[in-house]
Amino acid sequence: LVNNIVNYFSFYSVLYFLRKSIKIGSLVIICPNGQTYKVGDEKCEMSKIVTVRVYDWNFFQSVALEYDLGLAKSFILGEWGLVEDNDASDKLLFLFYLFV
């Protein structure tokens, strides 16, 4: 479960925004509690699917308050990371495109 009320509302706000915004590609979010959410185009090709593992619920608060800057800051703080594969650098770049 989400660890506090601010992170709870931040989580659902970010998830709602991503569901409405991502039209090309797909984003899979693995939460700290292990739950998985997929947003975006269900029929996109594998190269356009980015899987993110969130380690800290504060990630959602950072993104909700500061959007792409919050995404970058929370990455530096280690609150999330990409699930490893051969195209990790390309997928990180594509993830930022999803947020633009």
C-alpha atoms as a PDB file:
ATOM      1  CA  LEU A   1       0.000   0.000   0.000  1.00  0.00           C
ATOM      2  CA  VAL A   2       1.013   3.604  -0.523  1.00  0.00           C
ATOM      3  CA  ASN A   3       2.804   4.862   2.595  1.00  0.00           C
ATOM      4  CA  ASN A   4       0.993   8.205   3.101  1.00  0.00           C
ATOM      5  CA  ILE A   5      -1.958  10.221   1.839  1.00  0.00           C
ATOM      6  CA  VAL A   6       0.134  12.658  -0.258  1.00  0.00           C
ATOM      7  CA  ASN A   7       1.837   9.803  -2.105  1.00  0.00           C
ATOM      8  CA  TYR A   8      -1.548   8.085  -2.505  1.00  0.00           C
ATOM      9  CA  PHE A   9      -3.064  11.065  -4.320  1.00  0.00           C
ATOM     10  CA  SER A  10       0.163  11.646  -6.241  1.00  0.00           C
ATOM     11  CA  PHE A  11       0.183   8.013  -7.407  1.00  0.00           C
ATOM     12  CA  TYR A  12      -3.372   8.124  -8.727  1.00  0.00           C
ATOM     13  CA  SER A  13      -2.891  11.578 -10.266  1.00  0.00           C
ATOM     14  CA  VAL A  14       0.199  10.469 -12.177  1.00  0.00           C
ATOM     15  CA  LEU A  15      -1.452   7.218 -13.261  1.00  0.00           C
ATOM     16  CA  TYR A  16      -4.550   9.091 -14.466  1.00  0.00           C
ATOM     17  CA  PHE A  17      -2.421  11.605 -16.358  1.00  0.00           C
ATOM     18  CA  LEU A  18      -0.341   8.883 -18.028  1.00  0.00           C
ATOM     19  CA  ARG A  19      -3.444   6.933 -19.077  1.00  0.00           C
ATOM     20  CA  LYS A  20      -4.845  10.048 -20.761  1.00  0.00           C
ATOM     21  CA  SER A  21      -1.580  11.258 -22.267  1.00  0.00           C
ATOM     22  CA  ILE A  22       0.342   8.318 -23.720  1.00  0.00           C
ATOM     23  CA  LYS A  23      -0.945   7.564 -27.213  1.00  0.00           C
ATOM     24  CA  ILE A  24       2.203   6.187 -28.860  1.00  0.00           C
ATOM     25  CA  GLY A  25       4.158   3.513 -27.058  1.00  0.00           C
ATOM     26  CA  SER A  26       3.479   1.910 -23.731  1.00  0.00           C
ATOM     27  CA  LEU A  27       4.711   2.317 -20.169  1.00  0.00           C
ATOM     28  CA  VAL A  28       4.722  -0.489 -17.610  1.00  0.00           C
ATOM     29  CA  ILE A  29       5.086   0.634 -13.994  1.00  0.00           C
ATOM     30  CA  ILE A  30       6.086  -1.848 -11.298  1.00  0.00           C
ATOM     31  CA  CYS A  31       5.278  -0.302  -7.911  1.00  0.00           C
ATOM     32  CA  PRO A  32       7.217  -0.841  -4.668  1.00  0.00           C
ATOM     33  CA  ASN A  33       4.533  -3.289  -3.506  1.00  0.00           C
ATOM     34  CA  GLY A  34       4.907  -5.362  -6.701  1.00  0.00           C
ATOM     35  CA  GLN A  35       1.691  -4.272  -8.404  1.00  0.00           C
ATOM     36  CA  THR A  36       2.054  -3.660 -12.130  1.00  0.00           C
ATOM     37  CA  TYR A  37       0.223  -1.055 -14.214  1.00  0.00           C
ATOM     38  CA  LYS A  38       0.367  -0.714 -17.994  1.00  0.00           C
ATOM     39  CA  VAL A  39      -0.606   2.532 -19.712  1.00  0.00           C
ATOM     40  CA  GLY A  40      -0.538   3.598 -23.331  1.00  0.00           C
ATOM     41  CA  ASP A  41      -1.027   1.760 -26.599  1.00  0.00           C
ATOM     42  CA  GLU A  42      -1.835  -1.913 -25.935  1.00  0.00           C
ATOM     43  CA  LYS A  43      -0.812  -2.941 -29.473  1.00  0.00           C
ATOM     44  CA  CYS A  44       2.523  -1.149 -29.787  1.00  0.00           C
ATOM     45  CA  GLU A  45       5.687  -2.920 -30.866  1.00  0.00           C
ATOM     46  CA  MET A  46       8.089  -4.230 -28.223  1.00  0.00           C
ATOM     47  CA  SER A  47      10.694  -1.537 -28.923  1.00  0.00           C
ATOM     48  CA  LYS A  48       8.209   1.099 -27.772  1.00  0.00           C
ATOM     49  CA  ILE A  49       7.438  -0.523 -24.400  1.00  0.00           C
ATOM     50  CA  VAL A  50       9.299   0.926 -21.430  1.00  0.00           C
ATOM     51  CA  THR A  51       9.213  -0.887 -18.082  1.00  0.00           C
ATOM     52  CA  VAL A  52       9.966   1.142 -14.973  1.00  0.00           C
ATOM     53  CA  ARG A  53      10.495  -0.289 -11.484  1.00  0.00           C
ATOM     54  CA  VAL A  54       9.601   2.216  -8.759  1.00  0.00           C
ATOM     55  CA  TYR A  55      11.575   1.696  -5.532  1.00  0.00           C
ATOM     56  CA  ASP A  56      10.099   4.559  -3.513  1.00  0.00           C
ATOM     57  CA  TRP A  57       6.536   5.905  -3.428  1.00  0.00           C
ATOM     58  CA  ASN A  58       7.988   9.453  -3.332  1.00  0.00           C
ATOM     59  CA  PHE A  59       8.645   9.012  -7.064  1.00  0.00           C
ATOM     60  CA  PHE A  60       4.971   9.717  -7.765  1.00  0.00           C
ATOM     61  CA  GLN A  61       4.987  12.847  -5.623  1.00  0.00           C
ATOM     62  CA  SER A  62       8.073  14.143  -7.450  1.00  0.00           C
ATOM     63  CA  VAL A  63       6.482  13.548 -10.851  1.00  0.00           C
ATOM     64  CA  ALA A  64       3.107  14.991  -9.774  1.00  0.00           C
ATOM     65  CA  LEU A  65       4.690  18.194  -8.479  1.00  0.00           C
ATOM     66  CA  GLU A  66       7.514  18.744 -10.974  1.00  0.00           C
ATOM     67  CA  TYR A  67       6.637  16.589 -13.995  1.00  0.00           C
ATOM     68  CA  ASP A  68       9.730  15.882 -16.157  1.00  0.00           C
ATOM     69  CA  LEU A  69      12.107  17.657 -13.761  1.00  0.00           C
ATOM     70  CA  GLY A  70      10.668  15.533 -10.939  1.00  0.00           C
ATOM     71  CA  LEU A  71      11.206  12.459 -13.098  1.00  0.00           C
ATOM     72  CA  ALA A  72      14.868  13.390 -13.557  1.00  0.00           C
ATOM     73  CA  LYS A  73      15.425  14.277  -9.892  1.00  0.00           C
ATOM     74  CA  SER A  74      13.818  11.069  -8.662  1.00  0.00           C
ATOM     75  CA  PHE A  75      16.005   9.069 -11.074  1.00  0.00           C
ATOM     76  CA  ILE A  76      19.121  10.694  -9.613  1.00  0.00           C
ATOM     77  CA  LEU A  77      17.856   9.905  -6.088  1.00  0.00           C
ATOM     78  CA  GLY A  78      17.388   6.247  -7.043  1.00  0.00           C
ATOM     79  CA  GLU A  79      13.608   6.237  -6.553  1.00  0.00           C
ATOM     80  CA  TRP A  80      13.102   4.355  -9.825  1.00  0.00           C
ATOM     81  CA  GLY A  81      14.984   2.618 -12.596  1.00  0.00           C
ATOM     82  CA  LEU A  82      14.465   0.880 -15.894  1.00  0.00           C
ATOM     83  CA  VAL A  83      14.016  -2.865 -15.960  1.00  0.00           C
ATOM     84  CA  GLU A  84      17.230  -4.110 -17.537  1.00  0.00           C
ATOM     85  CA  ASP A  85      17.349  -5.119 -21.168  1.00  0.00           C
ATOM     86  CA  ASN A  86      19.659  -4.588 -24.132  1.00  0.00           C
ATOM     87  CA  ASP A  87      18.107  -1.256 -25.148  1.00  0.00           C
ATOM     88  CA  ALA A  88      18.126   0.429 -21.722  1.00  0.00           C
ATOM     89  CA  SER A  89      19.608   3.734 -22.921  1.00  0.00           C
ATOM     90  CA  ASP A  90      17.179   3.949 -25.839  1.00  0.00           C
ATOM     91  CA  LYS A  91      14.282   3.137 -23.522  1.00  0.00           C
ATOM     92  CA  LEU A  92      15.321   5.839 -21.050  1.00  0.00           C
ATOM     93  CA  LEU A  93      15.272   8.353 -23.880  1.00  0.00           C
ATOM     94  CA  PHE A  94      11.885   7.061 -25.072  1.00  0.00           C
ATOM     95  CA  LEU A  95      10.533   7.347 -21.516  1.00  0.00           C
ATOM     96  CA  PHE A  96      11.342  11.051 -21.507  1.00  0.00           C
ATOM     97  CA  TYR A  97       9.617  11.363 -24.898  1.00  0.00           C
ATOM     98  CA  LEU A  98       6.504   9.849 -23.327  1.00  0.00           C
ATOM     99  CA  PHE A  99       6.537  12.643 -20.768  1.00  0.00           C
ATOM    100  CA  VAL A 100       6.955  15.443 -23.329  1.00  0.00           C
END
